[in-house]
Amino acid sequence: MINRIVRRLALILALLLAIPAAALAGQPTDIVKSTVDEVLRLLSDPGLKSPDKKKQRRQMIKRAIDRHFDYDEMSKRSLGASWRNLTPAQRSEFVGLFADLLEASYAEKIERFSDEKVNYTGEILDGADYAEVRTTIIRKNDRIPMDYRLYKAEGSWKVYDVVIEGVSLVSNYRSQFSRIIREGSYGELVRRLRTKVNELQQLEKM
């Protein structure tokens, strides 16, 4: 009887060790994977590849990403201490500008993805409300580490930062924004953001 139990436990352990790490991960990995899978599906959809479908494809990709990315939290963390001094109207304006900046900056880069594969290499929990999902983008001759940081908001996991090859998107923007505010003003930062977003959007129309 004891030998049978031992053999059964050994079999269960062997099966668990044979399961890929992503399969053992929790809800944060599921959120990231579902978002990435949907974006890759849209990019590979033959019905959305023609030039006249570009706008529709981007809108669909944006909706897929927006469902699980918290731009309010990303904006707050990117602005740092200056966020506390903003009125509700200013915060709303900044979040809109920041979201437009991310979309204009990364839409074309995302659309360059075609045959890439994504490996889910781990999920790290920090308490009950924070997690990091680690992935690697596999290209023909390249490997790009890309990690997603999430937090639980009202029972739902949301992405608030992306770390690409060890560089935090939020920290990178916070450094830039802090320098502009320190050398000029918050108003100068908003002006520059508007100008940058307009420039990027005009380039997309060319």
C-alpha atoms as a PDB file:
ATOM      1  CA  MET A   1       0.000   0.000   0.000  1.00  0.00           C
ATOM      2  CA  ILE A   2       2.787   2.425   0.979  1.00  0.00           C
ATOM      3  CA  ASN A   3       4.757   1.548  -2.149  1.00  0.00           C
ATOM      4  CA  ARG A   4       1.675   2.246  -4.286  1.00  0.00           C
ATOM      5  CA  ILE A   5       1.248   5.698  -2.694  1.00  0.00           C
ATOM      6  CA  VAL A   6       4.933   6.484  -3.177  1.00  0.00           C
ATOM      7  CA  ARG A   7       4.740   5.456  -6.847  1.00  0.00           C
ATOM      8  CA  ARG A   8       1.620   7.600  -7.337  1.00  0.00           C
ATOM      9  CA  LEU A   9       3.276  10.644  -5.742  1.00  0.00           C
ATOM     10  CA  ALA A  10       6.345  10.109  -7.910  1.00  0.00           C
ATOM     11  CA  LEU A  11       4.157   9.959 -11.014  1.00  0.00           C
ATOM     12  CA  ILE A  12       2.353  13.186 -10.047  1.00  0.00           C
ATOM     13  CA  LEU A  13       5.696  14.915  -9.425  1.00  0.00           C
ATOM     14  CA  ALA A  14       7.022  13.755 -12.798  1.00  0.00           C
ATOM     15  CA  LEU A  15       3.933  15.059 -14.567  1.00  0.00           C
ATOM     16  CA  LEU A  16       4.221  18.421 -12.816  1.00  0.00           C
ATOM     17  CA  LEU A  17       7.875  18.760 -13.792  1.00  0.00           C
ATOM     18  CA  ALA A  18       6.948  18.006 -17.393  1.00  0.00           C
ATOM     19  CA  ILE A  19       4.449  20.891 -17.555  1.00  0.00           C
ATOM     20  CA  PRO A  20       5.904  24.154 -18.967  1.00  0.00           C
ATOM     21  CA  ALA A  21       6.346  26.947 -16.440  1.00  0.00           C
ATOM     22  CA  ALA A  22       3.651  29.121 -18.057  1.00  0.00           C
ATOM     23  CA  ALA A  23       1.091  26.354 -17.551  1.00  0.00           C
ATOM     24  CA  LEU A  24       1.728  26.494 -13.811  1.00  0.00           C
ATOM     25  CA  ALA A  25       1.497  30.284 -13.679  1.00  0.00           C
ATOM     26  CA  GLY A  26      -1.493  32.151 -12.403  1.00  0.00           C
ATOM     27  CA  GLN A  27      -3.876  34.840 -13.508  1.00  0.00           C
ATOM     28  CA  PRO A  28      -1.248  37.550 -14.252  1.00  0.00           C
ATOM     29  CA  THR A  29       0.360  35.303 -16.879  1.00  0.00           C
ATOM     30  CA  ASP A  30      -3.066  34.425 -18.267  1.00  0.00           C
ATOM     31  CA  ILE A  31      -3.840  38.153 -18.675  1.00  0.00           C
ATOM     32  CA  VAL A  32      -0.559  38.874 -20.467  1.00  0.00           C
ATOM     33  CA  LYS A  33      -0.790  35.776 -22.650  1.00  0.00           C
ATOM     34  CA  SER A  34      -4.363  36.456 -23.730  1.00  0.00           C
ATOM     35  CA  THR A  35      -3.421  40.026 -24.672  1.00  0.00           C
ATOM     36  CA  VAL A  36      -0.288  39.032 -26.588  1.00  0.00           C
ATOM     37  CA  ASP A  37      -2.101  36.174 -28.343  1.00  0.00           C
ATOM     38  CA  GLU A  38      -4.884  38.508 -29.459  1.00  0.00           C
ATOM     39  CA  VAL A  39      -2.424  41.088 -30.814  1.00  0.00           C
ATOM     40  CA  LEU A  40      -0.476  38.408 -32.703  1.00  0.00           C
ATOM     41  CA  ARG A  41      -3.731  36.998 -34.081  1.00  0.00           C
ATOM     42  CA  LEU A  42      -4.743  40.411 -35.403  1.00  0.00           C
ATOM     43  CA  LEU A  43      -1.310  40.965 -36.942  1.00  0.00           C
ATOM     44  CA  SER A  44      -1.456  37.642 -38.775  1.00  0.00           C
ATOM     45  CA  ASP A  45      -5.096  37.974 -39.918  1.00  0.00           C
ATOM     46  CA  PRO A  46      -5.020  37.971 -43.761  1.00  0.00           C
ATOM     47  CA  GLY A  47      -8.187  40.036 -43.841  1.00  0.00           C
ATOM     48  CA  LEU A  48      -6.438  42.906 -41.998  1.00  0.00           C
ATOM     49  CA  LYS A  49      -3.147  42.992 -43.907  1.00  0.00           C
ATOM     50  CA  SER A  50      -4.105  45.249 -46.817  1.00  0.00           C
ATOM     51  CA  PRO A  51      -3.116  48.962 -46.584  1.00  0.00           C
ATOM     52  CA  ASP A  52      -6.740  50.082 -46.508  1.00  0.00           C
ATOM     53  CA  LYS A  53      -7.227  47.989 -43.338  1.00  0.00           C
ATOM     54  CA  LYS A  54      -4.349  49.631 -41.448  1.00  0.00           C
ATOM     55  CA  LYS A  55      -6.532  52.000 -39.419  1.00  0.00           C
ATOM     56  CA  GLN A  56      -9.032  49.278 -38.543  1.00  0.00           C
ATOM     57  CA  ARG A  57      -6.219  46.882 -37.554  1.00  0.00           C
ATOM     58  CA  ARG A  58      -4.625  49.471 -35.281  1.00  0.00           C
ATOM     59  CA  GLN A  59      -7.939  50.263 -33.618  1.00  0.00           C
ATOM     60  CA  MET A  60      -8.521  46.581 -32.918  1.00  0.00           C
ATOM     61  CA  ILE A  61      -4.981  46.139 -31.539  1.00  0.00           C
ATOM     62  CA  LYS A  62      -5.436  49.232 -29.358  1.00  0.00           C
ATOM     63  CA  ARG A  63      -8.679  47.857 -27.915  1.00  0.00           C
ATOM     64  CA  ALA A  64      -6.993  44.520 -27.143  1.00  0.00           C
ATOM     65  CA  ILE A  65      -4.167  46.268 -25.296  1.00  0.00           C
ATOM     66  CA  ASP A  66      -6.319  48.879 -23.559  1.00  0.00           C
ATOM     67  CA  ARG A  67      -8.404  46.209 -21.832  1.00  0.00           C
ATOM     68  CA  HIS A  68      -5.499  45.179 -19.624  1.00  0.00           C
ATOM     69  CA  PHE A  69      -3.173  48.212 -19.510  1.00  0.00           C
ATOM     70  CA  ASP A  70      -3.773  50.836 -16.823  1.00  0.00           C
ATOM     71  CA  TYR A  71      -2.748  54.143 -18.402  1.00  0.00           C
ATOM     72  CA  ASP A  72      -3.751  56.077 -15.284  1.00  0.00           C
ATOM     73  CA  GLU A  73      -1.285  54.107 -13.176  1.00  0.00           C
ATOM     74  CA  MET A  74       1.411  54.256 -15.865  1.00  0.00           C
ATOM     75  CA  SER A  75       0.965  58.024 -16.138  1.00  0.00           C
ATOM     76  CA  LYS A  76       1.067  58.480 -12.365  1.00  0.00           C
ATOM     77  CA  ARG A  77       4.269  56.471 -12.019  1.00  0.00           C
ATOM     78  CA  SER A  78       5.876  58.128 -15.052  1.00  0.00           C
ATOM     79  CA  LEU A  79       5.197  61.615 -13.726  1.00  0.00           C
ATOM     80  CA  GLY A  80       6.418  60.789 -10.217  1.00  0.00           C
ATOM     81  CA  ALA A  81       6.039  63.350  -7.429  1.00  0.00           C
ATOM     82  CA  SER A  82       4.640  65.980  -9.812  1.00  0.00           C
ATOM     83  CA  TRP A  83       1.437  63.942 -10.125  1.00  0.00           C
ATOM     84  CA  ARG A  84       0.352  65.007  -6.629  1.00  0.00           C
ATOM     85  CA  ASN A  85       0.284  68.677  -7.628  1.00  0.00           C
ATOM     86  CA  LEU A  86      -2.081  68.219 -10.584  1.00  0.00           C
ATOM     87  CA  THR A  87      -5.792  68.971 -10.545  1.00  0.00           C
ATOM     88  CA  PRO A  88      -8.209  66.218 -11.675  1.00  0.00           C
ATOM     89  CA  ALA A  89      -8.542  67.979 -15.042  1.00  0.00           C
ATOM     90  CA  GLN A  90      -4.765  68.131 -15.484  1.00  0.00           C
ATOM     91  CA  ARG A  91      -4.423  64.470 -14.581  1.00  0.00           C
ATOM     92  CA  SER A  92      -7.049  63.501 -17.120  1.00  0.00           C
ATOM     93  CA  GLU A  93      -5.305  65.575 -19.783  1.00  0.00           C
ATOM     94  CA  PHE A  94      -1.915  64.052 -18.977  1.00  0.00           C
ATOM     95  CA  VAL A  95      -3.240  60.473 -19.069  1.00  0.00           C
ATOM     96  CA  GLY A  96      -4.748  61.122 -22.496  1.00  0.00           C
ATOM     97  CA  LEU A  97      -1.502  62.597 -23.811  1.00  0.00           C
ATOM     98  CA  PHE A  98       0.583  59.793 -22.327  1.00  0.00           C
ATOM     99  CA  ALA A  99      -1.663  57.102 -23.857  1.00  0.00           C
ATOM    100  CA  ASP A 100      -1.505  58.873 -27.236  1.00  0.00           C
ATOM    101  CA  LEU A 101       2.297  59.046 -26.954  1.00  0.00           C
ATOM    102  CA  LEU A 102       2.594  55.322 -26.271  1.00  0.00           C
ATOM    103  CA  GLU A 103       0.248  54.446 -29.121  1.00  0.00           C
ATOM    104  CA  ALA A 104       2.001  56.748 -31.606  1.00  0.00           C
ATOM    105  CA  SER A 105       5.473  55.592 -30.504  1.00  0.00           C
ATOM    106  CA  TYR A 106       4.909  51.843 -30.455  1.00  0.00           C
ATOM    107  CA  ALA A 107       2.118  51.097 -32.957  1.00  0.00           C
ATOM    108  CA  GLU A 108       4.489  50.778 -35.908  1.00  0.00           C
ATOM    109  CA  LYS A 109       6.987  48.705 -33.881  1.00  0.00           C
ATOM    110  CA  ILE A 110       4.220  46.297 -32.861  1.00  0.00           C
ATOM    111  CA  GLU A 111       3.081  45.941 -36.463  1.00  0.00           C
ATOM    112  CA  ARG A 112       6.575  44.807 -37.503  1.00  0.00           C
ATOM    113  CA  PHE A 113       6.035  41.600 -35.549  1.00  0.00           C
ATOM    114  CA  SER A 114       5.221  38.702 -37.843  1.00  0.00           C
ATOM    115  CA  ASP A 115       6.877  35.348 -37.208  1.00  0.00           C
ATOM    116  CA  GLU A 116       8.059  36.069 -33.684  1.00  0.00           C
ATOM    117  CA  LYS A 117       7.241  33.653 -30.903  1.00  0.00           C
ATOM    118  CA  VAL A 118       6.799  34.472 -27.232  1.00  0.00           C
ATOM    119  CA  ASN A 119       8.094  32.225 -24.460  1.00  0.00           C
ATOM    120  CA  TYR A 120       6.656  32.691 -20.976  1.00  0.00           C
ATOM    121  CA  THR A 121       9.577  32.089 -18.669  1.00  0.00           C
ATOM    122  CA  GLY A 122       8.205  32.844 -15.224  1.00  0.00           C
ATOM    123  CA  GLU A 123       5.785  34.617 -12.948  1.00  0.00           C
ATOM    124  CA  ILE A 124       6.940  36.341  -9.765  1.00  0.00           C
ATOM    125  CA  LEU A 125       4.397  37.417  -7.157  1.00  0.00           C
ATOM    126  CA  ASP A 126       5.124  40.297  -4.794  1.00  0.00           C
ATOM    127  CA  GLY A 127       2.533  39.946  -2.070  1.00  0.00           C
ATOM    128  CA  ALA A 128      -1.088  39.531  -3.083  1.00  0.00           C
ATOM    129  CA  ASP A 129      -1.405  42.535  -5.380  1.00  0.00           C
ATOM    130  CA  TYR A 130       1.754  42.780  -7.496  1.00  0.00           C
ATOM    131  CA  ALA A 131       3.284  40.443 -10.062  1.00  0.00           C
ATOM    132  CA  GLU A 132       5.857  40.326 -12.841  1.00  0.00           C
ATOM    133  CA  VAL A 133       5.359  38.109 -15.869  1.00  0.00           C
ATOM    134  CA  ARG A 134       8.626  37.336 -17.637  1.00  0.00           C
ATOM    135  CA  THR A 135       8.689  36.597 -21.334  1.00  0.00           C
ATOM    136  CA  THR A 136      11.201  36.318 -24.154  1.00  0.00           C
ATOM    137  CA  ILE A 137      10.439  37.302 -27.732  1.00  0.00           C
ATOM    138  CA  ILE A 138      12.073  34.780 -30.054  1.00  0.00           C
ATOM    139  CA  ARG A 139      13.244  36.115 -33.394  1.00  0.00           C
ATOM    140  CA  LYS A 140      15.257  34.368 -36.072  1.00  0.00           C
ATOM    141  CA  ASN A 141      18.602  35.597 -34.772  1.00  0.00           C
ATOM    142  CA  ASP A 142      17.638  37.353 -31.573  1.00  0.00           C
ATOM    143  CA  ARG A 143      16.160  36.958 -28.114  1.00  0.00           C
ATOM    144  CA  ILE A 144      14.481  39.955 -26.471  1.00  0.00           C
ATOM    145  CA  PRO A 145      13.556  39.776 -22.756  1.00  0.00           C
ATOM    146  CA  MET A 146      10.271  41.575 -22.158  1.00  0.00           C
ATOM    147  CA  ASP A 147       8.692  41.573 -18.712  1.00  0.00           C
ATOM    148  CA  TYR A 148       5.270  42.863 -17.718  1.00  0.00           C
ATOM    149  CA  ARG A 149       4.582  44.340 -14.291  1.00  0.00           C
ATOM    150  CA  LEU A 150       1.016  44.101 -13.059  1.00  0.00           C
ATOM    151  CA  TYR A 151      -0.994  45.067 -10.019  1.00  0.00           C
ATOM    152  CA  LYS A 152      -4.432  44.055  -8.866  1.00  0.00           C
ATOM    153  CA  ALA A 153      -7.005  46.847  -9.136  1.00  0.00           C
ATOM    154  CA  GLU A 154     -10.536  46.136  -7.937  1.00  0.00           C
ATOM    155  CA  GLY A 155      -9.970  42.407  -8.287  1.00  0.00           C
ATOM    156  CA  SER A 156      -8.529  42.616 -11.809  1.00  0.00           C
ATOM    157  CA  TRP A 157      -4.879  42.400 -12.884  1.00  0.00           C
ATOM    158  CA  LYS A 158      -3.626  45.379 -14.906  1.00  0.00           C
ATOM    159  CA  VAL A 159      -0.266  46.075 -16.560  1.00  0.00           C
ATOM    160  CA  TYR A 160       1.401  49.242 -15.248  1.00  0.00           C
ATOM    161  CA  ASP A 161       4.919  48.855 -16.676  1.00  0.00           C
ATOM    162  CA  VAL A 162       6.836  46.984 -19.366  1.00  0.00           C
ATOM    163  CA  VAL A 163      10.536  46.192 -18.983  1.00  0.00           C
ATOM    164  CA  ILE A 164      12.307  45.699 -22.319  1.00  0.00           C
ATOM    165  CA  GLU A 165      15.824  44.251 -22.156  1.00  0.00           C
ATOM    166  CA  GLY A 166      16.107  45.368 -18.546  1.00  0.00           C
ATOM    167  CA  VAL A 167      14.881  48.936 -19.155  1.00  0.00           C
ATOM    168  CA  SER A 168      11.619  49.976 -17.489  1.00  0.00           C
ATOM    169  CA  LEU A 169       9.367  51.982 -19.782  1.00  0.00           C
ATOM    170  CA  VAL A 170       7.908  53.876 -16.817  1.00  0.00           C
ATOM    171  CA  SER A 171      11.307  54.639 -15.260  1.00  0.00           C
ATOM    172  CA  ASN A 172      12.665  55.786 -18.607  1.00  0.00           C
ATOM    173  CA  TYR A 173       9.795  58.225 -19.118  1.00  0.00           C
ATOM    174  CA  ARG A 174       9.958  59.394 -15.492  1.00  0.00           C
ATOM    175  CA  SER A 175      13.602  60.346 -15.953  1.00  0.00           C
ATOM    176  CA  GLN A 176      12.796  62.323 -19.104  1.00  0.00           C
ATOM    177  CA  PHE A 177       9.712  64.003 -17.648  1.00  0.00           C
ATOM    178  CA  SER A 178      11.470  64.962 -14.402  1.00  0.00           C
ATOM    179  CA  ARG A 179      14.305  66.606 -16.311  1.00  0.00           C
ATOM    180  CA  ILE A 180      11.914  68.650 -18.477  1.00  0.00           C
ATOM    181  CA  ILE A 181       9.911  69.817 -15.433  1.00  0.00           C
ATOM    182  CA  ARG A 182      13.074  70.598 -13.485  1.00  0.00           C
ATOM    183  CA  GLU A 183      14.603  72.619 -16.308  1.00  0.00           C
ATOM    184  CA  GLY A 184      11.336  74.209 -17.387  1.00  0.00           C
ATOM    185  CA  SER A 185       7.881  73.534 -15.976  1.00  0.00           C
ATOM    186  CA  TYR A 186       4.995  71.099 -16.062  1.00  0.00           C
ATOM    187  CA  GLY A 187       3.406  73.284 -18.730  1.00  0.00           C
ATOM    188  CA  GLU A 188       6.528  72.873 -20.854  1.00  0.00           C
ATOM    189  CA  LEU A 189       6.269  69.096 -20.518  1.00  0.00           C
ATOM    190  CA  VAL A 190       2.654  69.136 -21.705  1.00  0.00           C
ATOM    191  CA  ARG A 191       3.596  71.377 -24.642  1.00  0.00           C
ATOM    192  CA  ARG A 192       6.394  69.015 -25.670  1.00  0.00           C
ATOM    193  CA  LEU A 193       4.149  65.974 -25.341  1.00  0.00           C
ATOM    194  CA  ARG A 194       1.509  67.550 -27.570  1.00  0.00           C
ATOM    195  CA  THR A 195       4.154  68.464 -30.151  1.00  0.00           C
ATOM    196  CA  LYS A 196       5.679  64.976 -30.101  1.00  0.00           C
ATOM    197  CA  VAL A 197       2.327  63.230 -30.421  1.00  0.00           C
ATOM    198  CA  ASN A 198       1.331  65.498 -33.329  1.00  0.00           C
ATOM    199  CA  GLU A 199       4.654  64.830 -35.082  1.00  0.00           C
ATOM    200  CA  LEU A 200       4.312  61.072 -34.737  1.00  0.00           C
ATOM    201  CA  GLN A 201       0.696  61.118 -35.885  1.00  0.00           C
ATOM    202  CA  GLN A 202       1.604  63.195 -38.947  1.00  0.00           C
ATOM    203  CA  LEU A 203       4.369  60.738 -39.838  1.00  0.00           C
ATOM    204  CA  GLU A 204       1.823  57.929 -39.763  1.00  0.00           C
ATOM    205  CA  LYS A 205      -0.271  59.720 -42.390  1.00  0.00           C
ATOM    206  CA  MET A 206       2.636  60.031 -44.837  1.00  0.00           C
END
